[in-house]
Amino acid sequence: MKKYLLTIGLFLCGSLGYAQEHSVVLETTSGEKYTYYFSEFPKIQHQNEKVFLCTTKAEVQYQAKEIAKVYVVQITDPTGILETTGNLGTVKLTDESVLLNGFAPSEDVLVYTLNGSLVESYKVMMDGRLIISLANLSKGVYLIKTNHQSFKIIRK
């Protein structure tokens, strides 16, 4: 694990010129994925069976045994996400909507502004799907929160 994290750390140092196009993804043994953008200067350290990840926006700590893999991905969309998979479903961002699939029926889905104001509230349909139209949202950054996941989107 130490060699692997050292390799990722060296790659990060050598790749700072790609800050807008790449991110580090940390995947846990439970299947959760956490993305840290190069523009936030992620630093990974391993010490006493713990992994510390620091960025300009966050400092987090994981048990080394909880980490399944760490890898680098190229981001091709300016929002940073096109599609992501969580424990209970997938979320896909299009120009005019957010598509949720595979979620629990009647699960709450909330849309917030970055200052914490609730904009919209939805319930996942019985087939586990939900389409959130972005047409009524002003330009800006929003947080979409489900029972188990949160996603940040940018409305342009």
N, C-alpha and C. Protein backbone atom coordinates (compact mmCIF):
# COMPACT_ATOMS: atom_id res chain seq x y z
N MET A 1 0.83 -1.19 0.00
CA MET A 1 0.00 0.00 0.00
C MET A 1 0.87 1.25 0.00
N LYS A 2 1.96 1.23 0.78
CA LYS A 2 2.84 2.40 0.84
C LYS A 2 3.43 2.71 -0.53
N LYS A 3 3.90 1.67 -1.25
CA LYS A 3 4.47 1.88 -2.57
C LYS A 3 3.43 2.48 -3.51
N TYR A 4 2.22 1.95 -3.44
CA TYR A 4 1.15 2.41 -4.31
C TYR A 4 0.83 3.89 -4.05
N LEU A 5 0.72 4.26 -2.78
CA LEU A 5 0.42 5.65 -2.43
C LEU A 5 1.58 6.57 -2.79
N LEU A 6 2.82 6.09 -2.63
CA LEU A 6 3.97 6.88 -3.01
C LEU A 6 3.97 7.13 -4.51
N THR A 7 3.63 6.11 -5.28
CA THR A 7 3.56 6.25 -6.73
C THR A 7 2.52 7.28 -7.12
N ILE A 8 1.33 7.21 -6.51
CA ILE A 8 0.27 8.20 -6.78
C ILE A 8 0.77 9.59 -6.39
N GLY A 9 1.44 9.71 -5.24
CA GLY A 9 1.94 11.01 -4.79
C GLY A 9 2.93 11.59 -5.77
N LEU A 10 3.85 10.76 -6.27
CA LEU A 10 4.81 11.23 -7.25
C LEU A 10 4.13 11.63 -8.55
N PHE A 11 3.13 10.87 -8.94
CA PHE A 11 2.38 11.21 -10.15
C PHE A 11 1.70 12.56 -10.00
N LEU A 12 1.14 12.80 -8.81
CA LEU A 12 0.47 14.08 -8.55
C LEU A 12 1.45 15.24 -8.67
N CYS A 13 2.61 15.07 -8.10
CA CYS A 13 3.61 16.15 -8.17
C CYS A 13 4.00 16.44 -9.60
N GLY A 14 4.12 15.42 -10.42
CA GLY A 14 4.53 15.60 -11.80
C GLY A 14 3.42 16.03 -12.71
N SER A 15 2.20 16.05 -12.23
CA SER A 15 1.06 16.31 -13.10
C SER A 15 0.32 17.59 -12.77
N LEU A 16 0.91 18.48 -12.02
CA LEU A 16 0.20 19.69 -11.62
C LEU A 16 -0.19 20.56 -12.79
N GLY A 17 0.47 20.41 -13.93
CA GLY A 17 0.10 21.17 -15.11
C GLY A 17 -1.24 20.76 -15.67
N TYR A 18 -1.77 19.65 -15.23
CA TYR A 18 -3.05 19.14 -15.71
C TYR A 18 -4.15 19.36 -14.68
N ALA A 19 -4.01 20.33 -13.81
CA ALA A 19 -4.90 20.50 -12.68
C ALA A 19 -6.36 20.60 -13.06
N GLN A 20 -6.69 21.16 -14.20
CA GLN A 20 -8.08 21.33 -14.58
C GLN A 20 -8.67 20.08 -15.24
N GLU A 21 -7.83 19.11 -15.60
CA GLU A 21 -8.30 17.99 -16.39
C GLU A 21 -8.25 16.64 -15.69
N HIS A 22 -7.64 16.55 -14.51
CA HIS A 22 -7.48 15.26 -13.85
C HIS A 22 -7.91 15.33 -12.39
N SER A 23 -8.20 14.15 -11.85
CA SER A 23 -8.50 14.05 -10.43
C SER A 23 -8.05 12.70 -9.92
N VAL A 24 -7.89 12.63 -8.61
CA VAL A 24 -7.57 11.38 -7.93
C VAL A 24 -8.89 10.82 -7.40
N VAL A 25 -9.13 9.54 -7.64
CA VAL A 25 -10.33 8.89 -7.11
C VAL A 25 -9.88 7.87 -6.08
N LEU A 26 -10.45 7.94 -4.91
CA LEU A 26 -10.18 6.99 -3.85
C LEU A 26 -11.43 6.13 -3.70
N GLU A 27 -11.29 4.84 -3.88
CA GLU A 27 -12.42 3.92 -3.80
C GLU A 27 -12.26 3.06 -2.55
N THR A 28 -13.32 3.01 -1.73
CA THR A 28 -13.26 2.23 -0.49
C THR A 28 -13.70 0.79 -0.74
N THR A 29 -13.43 -0.06 0.22
CA THR A 29 -13.82 -1.47 0.11
C THR A 29 -15.34 -1.64 0.09
N SER A 30 -16.08 -0.63 0.57
CA SER A 30 -17.54 -0.70 0.54
C SER A 30 -18.11 -0.18 -0.78
N GLY A 31 -17.23 0.25 -1.71
CA GLY A 31 -17.67 0.69 -3.03
C GLY A 31 -17.88 2.18 -3.19
N GLU A 32 -17.71 2.94 -2.12
CA GLU A 32 -17.86 4.39 -2.24
C GLU A 32 -16.66 4.98 -2.95
N LYS A 33 -16.90 6.04 -3.74
CA LYS A 33 -15.83 6.71 -4.47
C LYS A 33 -15.78 8.17 -4.06
N TYR A 34 -14.56 8.64 -3.82
CA TYR A 34 -14.34 10.03 -3.45
C TYR A 34 -13.36 10.63 -4.46
N THR A 35 -13.71 11.80 -5.00
CA THR A 35 -12.91 12.44 -6.03
C THR A 35 -12.24 13.69 -5.47
N TYR A 36 -10.94 13.82 -5.74
CA TYR A 36 -10.17 14.97 -5.32
C TYR A 36 -9.50 15.55 -6.55
N TYR A 37 -9.83 16.77 -6.91
CA TYR A 37 -9.35 17.39 -8.14
C TYR A 37 -7.91 17.88 -7.99
N PHE A 38 -7.12 17.74 -9.05
CA PHE A 38 -5.74 18.20 -9.05
C PHE A 38 -5.68 19.69 -8.73
N SER A 39 -6.69 20.45 -9.13
CA SER A 39 -6.70 21.89 -8.87
C SER A 39 -6.78 22.19 -7.37
N GLU A 40 -7.13 21.17 -6.55
CA GLU A 40 -7.17 21.32 -5.09
C GLU A 40 -5.88 20.80 -4.44
N PHE A 41 -4.89 20.45 -5.26
CA PHE A 41 -3.57 20.01 -4.81
C PHE A 41 -3.64 18.88 -3.76
N PRO A 42 -4.20 17.73 -4.12
CA PRO A 42 -4.29 16.63 -3.14
C PRO A 42 -2.92 16.08 -2.76
N LYS A 43 -2.76 15.79 -1.47
CA LYS A 43 -1.54 15.18 -0.95
C LYS A 43 -1.95 13.96 -0.14
N ILE A 44 -1.33 12.84 -0.43
CA ILE A 44 -1.67 11.58 0.25
C ILE A 44 -0.47 11.15 1.07
N GLN A 45 -0.73 10.80 2.37
CA GLN A 45 0.31 10.30 3.24
C GLN A 45 -0.18 9.05 3.93
N HIS A 46 0.74 8.11 4.16
CA HIS A 46 0.42 6.86 4.84
C HIS A 46 1.24 6.80 6.11
N GLN A 47 0.56 6.56 7.25
CA GLN A 47 1.27 6.50 8.52
C GLN A 47 0.47 5.65 9.50
N ASN A 48 1.11 4.67 10.11
CA ASN A 48 0.48 3.84 11.15
C ASN A 48 -0.86 3.26 10.73
N GLU A 49 -0.88 2.62 9.56
CA GLU A 49 -2.08 1.97 9.04
C GLU A 49 -3.22 2.95 8.75
N LYS A 50 -2.90 4.23 8.67
CA LYS A 50 -3.89 5.25 8.32
C LYS A 50 -3.41 5.98 7.08
N VAL A 51 -4.35 6.45 6.28
CA VAL A 51 -4.05 7.23 5.09
C VAL A 51 -4.67 8.61 5.29
N PHE A 52 -3.85 9.63 5.13
CA PHE A 52 -4.30 11.01 5.27
C PHE A 52 -4.32 11.64 3.89
N LEU A 53 -5.41 12.29 3.54
CA LEU A 53 -5.51 12.98 2.27
C LEU A 53 -5.88 14.43 2.57
N CYS A 54 -5.03 15.34 2.12
CA CYS A 54 -5.26 16.77 2.35
C CYS A 54 -5.36 17.48 1.02
N THR A 55 -6.31 18.40 0.90
CA THR A 55 -6.44 19.27 -0.26
C THR A 55 -6.58 20.70 0.26
N THR A 56 -6.73 21.63 -0.66
CA THR A 56 -6.94 23.01 -0.24
C THR A 56 -8.32 23.20 0.39
N LYS A 57 -9.21 22.21 0.21
CA LYS A 57 -10.58 22.33 0.71
C LYS A 57 -10.92 21.35 1.84
N ALA A 58 -10.13 20.31 2.01
CA ALA A 58 -10.50 19.29 2.99
C ALA A 58 -9.29 18.53 3.50
N GLU A 59 -9.46 17.96 4.70
CA GLU A 59 -8.49 17.03 5.26
C GLU A 59 -9.28 15.82 5.73
N VAL A 60 -8.95 14.65 5.19
CA VAL A 60 -9.68 13.43 5.56
C VAL A 60 -8.69 12.34 5.94
N GLN A 61 -9.21 11.38 6.70
CA GLN A 61 -8.39 10.28 7.18
C GLN A 61 -9.15 8.98 6.94
N TYR A 62 -8.45 7.97 6.45
CA TYR A 62 -9.02 6.65 6.21
C TYR A 62 -8.16 5.60 6.88
N GLN A 63 -8.75 4.49 7.26
CA GLN A 63 -7.99 3.33 7.66
C GLN A 63 -7.46 2.71 6.36
N ALA A 64 -6.19 2.35 6.32
CA ALA A 64 -5.59 1.81 5.10
C ALA A 64 -6.36 0.59 4.61
N LYS A 65 -6.85 -0.24 5.51
CA LYS A 65 -7.57 -1.45 5.12
C LYS A 65 -8.93 -1.14 4.49
N GLU A 66 -9.44 0.09 4.64
CA GLU A 66 -10.72 0.48 4.04
C GLU A 66 -10.58 0.94 2.59
N ILE A 67 -9.35 1.10 2.11
CA ILE A 67 -9.12 1.61 0.75
C ILE A 67 -8.93 0.44 -0.20
N ALA A 68 -9.80 0.35 -1.20
CA ALA A 68 -9.70 -0.71 -2.20
C ALA A 68 -8.71 -0.31 -3.28
N LYS A 69 -8.80 0.94 -3.76
CA LYS A 69 -7.87 1.40 -4.77
C LYS A 69 -7.88 2.92 -4.86
N VAL A 70 -6.78 3.44 -5.40
CA VAL A 70 -6.62 4.87 -5.65
C VAL A 70 -6.14 4.99 -7.08
N TYR A 71 -6.79 5.85 -7.88
CA TYR A 71 -6.39 5.98 -9.27
C TYR A 71 -6.65 7.40 -9.76
N VAL A 72 -6.08 7.72 -10.91
CA VAL A 72 -6.21 9.03 -11.51
C VAL A 72 -7.10 8.92 -12.74
N VAL A 73 -8.03 9.86 -12.89
CA VAL A 73 -8.91 9.88 -14.06
C VAL A 73 -8.83 11.25 -14.73
N GLN A 74 -9.11 11.26 -16.02
CA GLN A 74 -9.18 12.51 -16.76
C GLN A 74 -10.62 12.97 -16.78
N ILE A 75 -10.84 14.25 -16.51
CA ILE A 75 -12.18 14.82 -16.50
C ILE A 75 -12.38 15.50 -17.84
N THR A 76 -13.45 15.10 -18.54
CA THR A 76 -13.71 15.70 -19.85
C THR A 76 -14.87 16.68 -19.82
N ASP A 77 -15.54 16.79 -18.69
CA ASP A 77 -16.68 17.70 -18.56
C ASP A 77 -16.33 18.76 -17.52
N PRO A 78 -16.65 20.03 -17.76
CA PRO A 78 -16.27 21.09 -16.83
C PRO A 78 -16.94 20.99 -15.46
N THR A 79 -18.02 20.23 -15.32
CA THR A 79 -18.65 20.08 -14.01
C THR A 79 -17.86 19.13 -13.14
N GLY A 80 -17.00 18.32 -13.76
CA GLY A 80 -16.23 17.36 -13.00
C GLY A 80 -16.88 16.00 -12.93
N ILE A 81 -18.18 15.90 -13.24
CA ILE A 81 -18.83 14.59 -13.27
C ILE A 81 -19.70 14.48 -14.50
N LEU A 82 -19.65 13.38 -15.14
CA LEU A 82 -20.61 13.05 -16.18
C LEU A 82 -21.50 11.93 -15.68
N GLU A 83 -20.89 10.96 -15.05
CA GLU A 83 -21.66 9.87 -14.48
C GLU A 83 -20.88 9.30 -13.32
N THR A 84 -21.55 8.98 -12.25
CA THR A 84 -20.90 8.40 -11.10
C THR A 84 -21.78 7.30 -10.54
N THR A 85 -21.17 6.31 -9.95
CA THR A 85 -21.91 5.19 -9.40
C THR A 85 -21.71 5.18 -7.90
N GLY A 86 -22.79 5.05 -7.17
CA GLY A 86 -22.72 4.97 -5.73
C GLY A 86 -23.19 3.62 -5.25
N ASN A 87 -23.43 3.51 -3.95
CA ASN A 87 -23.86 2.24 -3.39
C ASN A 87 -25.21 1.80 -3.91
N LEU A 88 -26.10 2.74 -4.15
CA LEU A 88 -27.46 2.36 -4.48
C LEU A 88 -27.92 2.80 -5.86
N GLY A 89 -27.07 3.37 -6.68
CA GLY A 89 -27.53 3.78 -7.99
C GLY A 89 -26.51 4.60 -8.74
N THR A 90 -26.93 5.06 -9.92
CA THR A 90 -26.06 5.88 -10.75
C THR A 90 -26.69 7.25 -10.94
N VAL A 91 -25.83 8.23 -11.16
CA VAL A 91 -26.27 9.60 -11.41
C VAL A 91 -25.58 10.04 -12.69
N LYS A 92 -26.36 10.55 -13.64
CA LYS A 92 -25.79 11.03 -14.90
C LYS A 92 -26.23 12.47 -15.11
N LEU A 93 -25.27 13.31 -15.47
CA LEU A 93 -25.54 14.72 -15.71
C LEU A 93 -25.58 14.97 -17.21
N THR A 94 -26.66 15.59 -17.69
CA THR A 94 -26.75 16.02 -19.08
C THR A 94 -26.83 17.54 -19.08
N ASP A 95 -26.95 18.14 -20.25
CA ASP A 95 -27.02 19.60 -20.33
C ASP A 95 -28.25 20.17 -19.61
N GLU A 96 -29.36 19.45 -19.65
CA GLU A 96 -30.61 19.98 -19.11
C GLU A 96 -31.22 19.19 -17.96
N SER A 97 -30.55 18.11 -17.53
CA SER A 97 -31.15 17.33 -16.45
C SER A 97 -30.11 16.48 -15.72
N VAL A 98 -30.54 15.99 -14.57
CA VAL A 98 -29.77 15.02 -13.80
C VAL A 98 -30.63 13.76 -13.76
N LEU A 99 -30.05 12.63 -14.18
CA LEU A 99 -30.78 11.37 -14.25
C LEU A 99 -30.29 10.45 -13.15
N LEU A 100 -31.19 10.03 -12.28
CA LEU A 100 -30.86 9.08 -11.23
C LEU A 100 -31.50 7.75 -11.58
N ASN A 101 -30.77 6.66 -11.39
CA ASN A 101 -31.27 5.34 -11.72
C ASN A 101 -30.75 4.34 -10.69
N GLY A 102 -31.62 3.42 -10.26
CA GLY A 102 -31.20 2.38 -9.33
C GLY A 102 -31.26 2.78 -7.87
N PHE A 103 -32.00 3.82 -7.55
CA PHE A 103 -32.14 4.27 -6.17
C PHE A 103 -33.36 3.62 -5.53
N ALA A 104 -33.46 3.71 -4.22
CA ALA A 104 -34.58 3.13 -3.49
C ALA A 104 -35.86 3.89 -3.81
N PRO A 105 -36.96 3.19 -4.08
CA PRO A 105 -38.23 3.86 -4.32
C PRO A 105 -38.59 4.79 -3.16
N SER A 106 -39.10 5.96 -3.48
CA SER A 106 -39.52 6.98 -2.52
C SER A 106 -38.37 7.62 -1.75
N GLU A 107 -37.13 7.34 -2.14
CA GLU A 107 -35.98 7.98 -1.49
C GLU A 107 -36.03 9.48 -1.73
N ASP A 108 -35.72 10.26 -0.71
CA ASP A 108 -35.71 11.71 -0.82
C ASP A 108 -34.48 12.17 -1.60
N VAL A 109 -34.68 13.13 -2.49
CA VAL A 109 -33.60 13.77 -3.23
C VAL A 109 -33.81 15.27 -3.09
N LEU A 110 -32.80 15.94 -2.54
CA LEU A 110 -32.91 17.37 -2.25
C LEU A 110 -31.88 18.15 -3.05
N VAL A 111 -32.27 19.32 -3.53
CA VAL A 111 -31.37 20.19 -4.29
C VAL A 111 -31.17 21.47 -3.47
N TYR A 112 -29.90 21.78 -3.17
CA TYR A 112 -29.55 22.93 -2.36
C TYR A 112 -28.64 23.88 -3.14
N THR A 113 -28.71 25.16 -2.79
CA THR A 113 -27.70 26.09 -3.25
C THR A 113 -26.47 25.89 -2.38
N LEU A 114 -25.34 26.48 -2.76
CA LEU A 114 -24.13 26.31 -1.96
C LEU A 114 -24.23 26.97 -0.59
N ASN A 115 -25.13 27.94 -0.44
CA ASN A 115 -25.28 28.56 0.87
C ASN A 115 -26.26 27.79 1.76
N GLY A 116 -26.74 26.63 1.29
CA GLY A 116 -27.57 25.76 2.12
C GLY A 116 -29.07 25.93 1.96
N SER A 117 -29.52 26.79 1.06
CA SER A 117 -30.96 26.99 0.86
C SER A 117 -31.53 25.85 0.02
N LEU A 118 -32.62 25.27 0.50
CA LEU A 118 -33.29 24.20 -0.23
C LEU A 118 -34.01 24.80 -1.44
N VAL A 119 -33.70 24.27 -2.64
CA VAL A 119 -34.29 24.78 -3.87
C VAL A 119 -35.46 23.90 -4.29
N GLU A 120 -35.25 22.60 -4.31
CA GLU A 120 -36.26 21.63 -4.74
C GLU A 120 -36.15 20.37 -3.89
N SER A 121 -37.26 19.65 -3.81
CA SER A 121 -37.26 18.37 -3.12
C SER A 121 -38.05 17.38 -3.98
N TYR A 122 -37.52 16.17 -4.12
CA TYR A 122 -38.11 15.15 -4.98
C TYR A 122 -38.16 13.83 -4.24
N LYS A 123 -38.94 12.89 -4.79
CA LYS A 123 -38.96 11.50 -4.33
C LYS A 123 -38.66 10.63 -5.54
N VAL A 124 -37.79 9.64 -5.36
CA VAL A 124 -37.48 8.69 -6.42
C VAL A 124 -38.75 7.90 -6.74
N MET A 125 -38.99 7.66 -8.03
CA MET A 125 -40.18 6.92 -8.46
C MET A 125 -40.07 5.45 -8.05
N MET A 126 -41.16 4.73 -8.16
CA MET A 126 -41.21 3.34 -7.72
C MET A 126 -40.25 2.45 -8.52
N ASP A 127 -39.88 2.84 -9.74
CA ASP A 127 -38.95 2.04 -10.53
C ASP A 127 -37.49 2.40 -10.23
N GLY A 128 -37.26 3.25 -9.22
CA GLY A 128 -35.90 3.60 -8.81
C GLY A 128 -35.27 4.71 -9.63
N ARG A 129 -36.08 5.39 -10.46
CA ARG A 129 -35.55 6.43 -11.34
C ARG A 129 -36.10 7.79 -10.96
N LEU A 130 -35.36 8.82 -11.36
CA LEU A 130 -35.81 10.19 -11.17
C LEU A 130 -35.07 11.06 -12.17
N ILE A 131 -35.79 11.97 -12.79
CA ILE A 131 -35.20 12.96 -13.69
C ILE A 131 -35.42 14.33 -13.07
N ILE A 132 -34.33 15.02 -12.82
CA ILE A 132 -34.40 16.37 -12.27
C ILE A 132 -34.08 17.34 -13.40
N SER A 133 -35.05 18.15 -13.77
CA SER A 133 -34.84 19.14 -14.82
C SER A 133 -34.04 20.30 -14.26
N LEU A 134 -33.07 20.76 -15.02
CA LEU A 134 -32.26 21.91 -14.62
C LEU A 134 -32.78 23.21 -15.23
N ALA A 135 -33.84 23.12 -16.03
CA ALA A 135 -34.36 24.28 -16.76
C ALA A 135 -34.76 25.43 -15.85
N ASN A 136 -35.29 25.15 -14.65
CA ASN A 136 -35.75 26.21 -13.76
C ASN A 136 -34.68 26.72 -12.81
N LEU A 137 -33.48 26.14 -12.88
CA LEU A 137 -32.41 26.58 -11.99
C LEU A 137 -31.61 27.71 -12.64
N SER A 138 -31.27 28.71 -11.84
CA SER A 138 -30.41 29.79 -12.32
C SER A 138 -28.99 29.26 -12.49
N LYS A 139 -28.17 30.03 -13.18
CA LYS A 139 -26.77 29.65 -13.30
C LYS A 139 -26.15 29.62 -11.91
N GLY A 140 -25.31 28.63 -11.67
CA GLY A 140 -24.64 28.53 -10.37
C GLY A 140 -24.30 27.10 -10.02
N VAL A 141 -23.83 26.92 -8.80
CA VAL A 141 -23.43 25.61 -8.30
C VAL A 141 -24.49 25.11 -7.32
N TYR A 142 -24.87 23.85 -7.45
CA TYR A 142 -25.90 23.25 -6.61
C TYR A 142 -25.40 21.94 -6.02
N LEU A 143 -25.96 21.57 -4.90
CA LEU A 143 -25.66 20.31 -4.25
C LEU A 143 -26.92 19.46 -4.31
N ILE A 144 -26.79 18.24 -4.85
CA ILE A 144 -27.90 17.30 -4.89
C ILE A 144 -27.60 16.23 -3.86
N LYS A 145 -28.52 16.04 -2.92
CA LYS A 145 -28.30 15.12 -1.81
C LYS A 145 -29.37 14.03 -1.80
N THR A 146 -28.91 12.77 -1.76
CA THR A 146 -29.81 11.63 -1.56
C THR A 146 -29.56 11.11 -0.15
N ASN A 147 -30.20 10.00 0.20
CA ASN A 147 -30.00 9.43 1.54
C ASN A 147 -28.56 8.96 1.75
N HIS A 148 -27.86 8.60 0.68
CA HIS A 148 -26.53 8.00 0.82
C HIS A 148 -25.43 8.72 0.06
N GLN A 149 -25.76 9.70 -0.76
CA GLN A 149 -24.77 10.33 -1.62
C GLN A 149 -25.06 11.83 -1.76
N SER A 150 -24.02 12.56 -2.10
CA SER A 150 -24.17 13.99 -2.43
C SER A 150 -23.35 14.28 -3.67
N PHE A 151 -23.87 15.15 -4.53
CA PHE A 151 -23.21 15.49 -5.78
C PHE A 151 -23.28 16.99 -5.97
N LYS A 152 -22.19 17.55 -6.45
CA LYS A 152 -22.16 18.97 -6.77
C LYS A 152 -22.27 19.11 -8.28
N ILE A 153 -23.15 19.99 -8.75
CA ILE A 153 -23.30 20.24 -10.18
C ILE A 153 -23.16 21.74 -10.45
N ILE A 154 -22.79 22.05 -11.68
CA ILE A 154 -22.70 23.45 -12.10
C ILE A 154 -23.70 23.68 -13.21
N ARG A 155 -24.59 24.63 -13.02
CA ARG A 155 -25.57 25.02 -14.03
C ARG A 155 -25.01 26.22 -14.76
N LYS A 156 -24.78 26.08 -16.07
CA LYS A 156 -24.19 27.18 -16.84
C LYS A 156 -25.23 27.86 -17.70
